[in-house]
Amino acid sequence: MRTPFGKTRKVEDPYAIYRHENSDFEWRVLKTYQHPDKEVDNVYARWFVAAKSPYTHGSWEMGDTYTRDILTYGTLQEATYEWKELYTGKP
């Protein structure tokens, strides 16, 4: 299956926004490379994100990040309907 999130979005219109609970880290998911069903078995699954932290001095840094890192350390704040449906099982 192809990923439904394979088209790169702008920082202002991400598929999902995750934030770290105890810090000012934020990840905005702009693109995925695999279908969520395949990511579960791939420890190297990655997302293209825009990330902001105290170390970026208010600007966004873009690049690939391991999916497991965001899902482990981040909490979903906002997402598209499709993202919620596939990643949380709830619309």
C-alpha atoms as a PDB file:
ATOM      1  CA  MET A   1       0.000   0.000   0.000  1.00  0.00           C
ATOM      2  CA  ARG A   2       1.133   3.521  -0.723  1.00  0.00           C
ATOM      3  CA  THR A   3       1.304   6.092   2.001  1.00  0.00           C
ATOM      4  CA  PRO A   4      -1.583   8.560   2.018  1.00  0.00           C
ATOM      5  CA  PHE A   5       0.856  11.190   3.361  1.00  0.00           C
ATOM      6  CA  GLY A   6       3.462  11.054   0.598  1.00  0.00           C
ATOM      7  CA  LYS A   7       2.924  14.553  -0.776  1.00  0.00           C
ATOM      8  CA  THR A   8       5.049  17.157   1.015  1.00  0.00           C
ATOM      9  CA  ARG A   9       3.061  19.837   2.812  1.00  0.00           C
ATOM     10  CA  LYS A  10       4.026  23.299   4.012  1.00  0.00           C
ATOM     11  CA  VAL A  11       5.019  23.979   7.642  1.00  0.00           C
ATOM     12  CA  GLU A  12       1.781  25.922   8.144  1.00  0.00           C
ATOM     13  CA  ASP A  13      -0.343  22.972   6.963  1.00  0.00           C
ATOM     14  CA  PRO A  14       1.233  19.742   8.310  1.00  0.00           C
ATOM     15  CA  TYR A  15      -0.399  16.333   8.463  1.00  0.00           C
ATOM     16  CA  ALA A  16       0.227  16.243  12.216  1.00  0.00           C
ATOM     17  CA  ILE A  17       1.804  18.214  15.046  1.00  0.00           C
ATOM     18  CA  TYR A  18       3.551  16.471  17.938  1.00  0.00           C
ATOM     19  CA  ARG A  19       4.986  18.170  21.032  1.00  0.00           C
ATOM     20  CA  HIS A  20       7.283  16.905  23.765  1.00  0.00           C
ATOM     21  CA  GLU A  21       5.501  17.078  27.127  1.00  0.00           C
ATOM     22  CA  ASN A  22       8.402  18.388  29.194  1.00  0.00           C
ATOM     23  CA  SER A  23      10.121  20.739  26.775  1.00  0.00           C
ATOM     24  CA  ASP A  24       9.540  23.118  23.892  1.00  0.00           C
ATOM     25  CA  PHE A  25      10.238  20.549  21.153  1.00  0.00           C
ATOM     26  CA  GLU A  26       7.687  20.461  18.337  1.00  0.00           C
ATOM     27  CA  TRP A  27       7.593  18.292  15.230  1.00  0.00           C
ATOM     28  CA  ARG A  28       5.347  19.046  12.273  1.00  0.00           C
ATOM     29  CA  VAL A  29       4.979  16.053   9.978  1.00  0.00           C
ATOM     30  CA  LEU A  30       5.181  17.213   6.379  1.00  0.00           C
ATOM     31  CA  LYS A  31       5.578  13.854   4.616  1.00  0.00           C
ATOM     32  CA  THR A  32       5.838  10.120   5.340  1.00  0.00           C
ATOM     33  CA  TYR A  33       7.621   7.500   3.268  1.00  0.00           C
ATOM     34  CA  GLN A  34       5.664   4.365   4.188  1.00  0.00           C
ATOM     35  CA  HIS A  35       2.105   3.385   4.955  1.00  0.00           C
ATOM     36  CA  PRO A  36       1.507   3.327   8.741  1.00  0.00           C
ATOM     37  CA  ASP A  37       0.972  -0.463   8.622  1.00  0.00           C
ATOM     38  CA  LYS A  38       4.518  -0.923   7.289  1.00  0.00           C
ATOM     39  CA  GLU A  39       6.133   1.554   9.706  1.00  0.00           C
ATOM     40  CA  VAL A  40       5.279  -0.674  12.666  1.00  0.00           C
ATOM     41  CA  ASP A  41       7.763  -3.344  11.533  1.00  0.00           C
ATOM     42  CA  ASN A  42      10.472  -0.950  10.341  1.00  0.00           C
ATOM     43  CA  VAL A  43      12.766   0.417  13.070  1.00  0.00           C
ATOM     44  CA  TYR A  44      14.220   2.782  10.452  1.00  0.00           C
ATOM     45  CA  ALA A  45      10.870   4.253   9.373  1.00  0.00           C
ATOM     46  CA  ARG A  46      11.144   8.013   9.038  1.00  0.00           C
ATOM     47  CA  TRP A  47       9.082  11.116   8.482  1.00  0.00           C
ATOM     48  CA  PHE A  48      10.053  14.391   6.852  1.00  0.00           C
ATOM     49  CA  VAL A  49       9.411  17.025   9.510  1.00  0.00           C
ATOM     50  CA  ALA A  50       9.876  20.648  10.435  1.00  0.00           C
ATOM     51  CA  ALA A  51      11.243  20.728  13.978  1.00  0.00           C
ATOM     52  CA  LYS A  52      11.467  23.585  16.436  1.00  0.00           C
ATOM     53  CA  SER A  53      13.190  23.569  19.821  1.00  0.00           C
ATOM     54  CA  PRO A  54      14.978  25.959  22.183  1.00  0.00           C
ATOM     55  CA  TYR A  55      18.112  25.176  20.158  1.00  0.00           C
ATOM     56  CA  THR A  56      16.671  26.430  16.846  1.00  0.00           C
ATOM     57  CA  HIS A  57      16.130  29.957  18.210  1.00  0.00           C
ATOM     58  CA  GLY A  58      12.556  30.222  16.982  1.00  0.00           C
ATOM     59  CA  SER A  59      13.123  28.905  13.473  1.00  0.00           C
ATOM     60  CA  TRP A  60      12.186  25.594  11.857  1.00  0.00           C
ATOM     61  CA  GLU A  61      14.753  22.983  10.880  1.00  0.00           C
ATOM     62  CA  MET A  62      13.646  20.523   8.232  1.00  0.00           C
ATOM     63  CA  GLY A  63      14.777  16.964   7.743  1.00  0.00           C
ATOM     64  CA  ASP A  64      14.000  13.305   8.290  1.00  0.00           C
ATOM     65  CA  THR A  65      13.370  12.011  11.812  1.00  0.00           C
ATOM     66  CA  TYR A  66      12.829   8.452  12.956  1.00  0.00           C
ATOM     67  CA  THR A  67       9.126   7.779  13.409  1.00  0.00           C
ATOM     68  CA  ARG A  68       9.731   5.893  16.653  1.00  0.00           C
ATOM     69  CA  ASP A  69      11.432   8.926  18.240  1.00  0.00           C
ATOM     70  CA  ILE A  70       8.464  11.198  17.619  1.00  0.00           C
ATOM     71  CA  LEU A  71       5.932   8.597  18.717  1.00  0.00           C
ATOM     72  CA  THR A  72       7.973   7.789  21.848  1.00  0.00           C
ATOM     73  CA  TYR A  73       8.735  11.334  22.997  1.00  0.00           C
ATOM     74  CA  GLY A  74       5.944  13.377  21.443  1.00  0.00           C
ATOM     75  CA  THR A  75       2.248  13.733  22.081  1.00  0.00           C
ATOM     76  CA  LEU A  76      -0.152  14.300  19.205  1.00  0.00           C
ATOM     77  CA  GLN A  77      -1.596  17.822  19.412  1.00  0.00           C
ATOM     78  CA  GLU A  78      -3.302  18.320  16.048  1.00  0.00           C
ATOM     79  CA  ALA A  79      -3.756  16.214  12.931  1.00  0.00           C
ATOM     80  CA  THR A  80      -5.792  15.748   9.797  1.00  0.00           C
ATOM     81  CA  TYR A  81      -8.790  13.456   9.932  1.00  0.00           C
ATOM     82  CA  GLU A  82      -6.938  10.797   7.917  1.00  0.00           C
ATOM     83  CA  TRP A  83      -3.892  10.962  10.200  1.00  0.00           C
ATOM     84  CA  LYS A  84      -6.009  10.496  13.342  1.00  0.00           C
ATOM     85  CA  GLU A  85      -7.854   7.611  11.743  1.00  0.00           C
ATOM     86  CA  LEU A  86      -4.661   5.725  10.739  1.00  0.00           C
ATOM     87  CA  TYR A  87      -2.406   6.531  13.704  1.00  0.00           C
ATOM     88  CA  THR A  88      -4.866   6.591  16.599  1.00  0.00           C
ATOM     89  CA  GLY A  89      -7.759   4.536  15.280  1.00  0.00           C
ATOM     90  CA  LYS A  90     -10.079   7.445  16.089  1.00  0.00           C
ATOM     91  CA  PRO A  91     -11.272  10.164  13.702  1.00  0.00           C
END
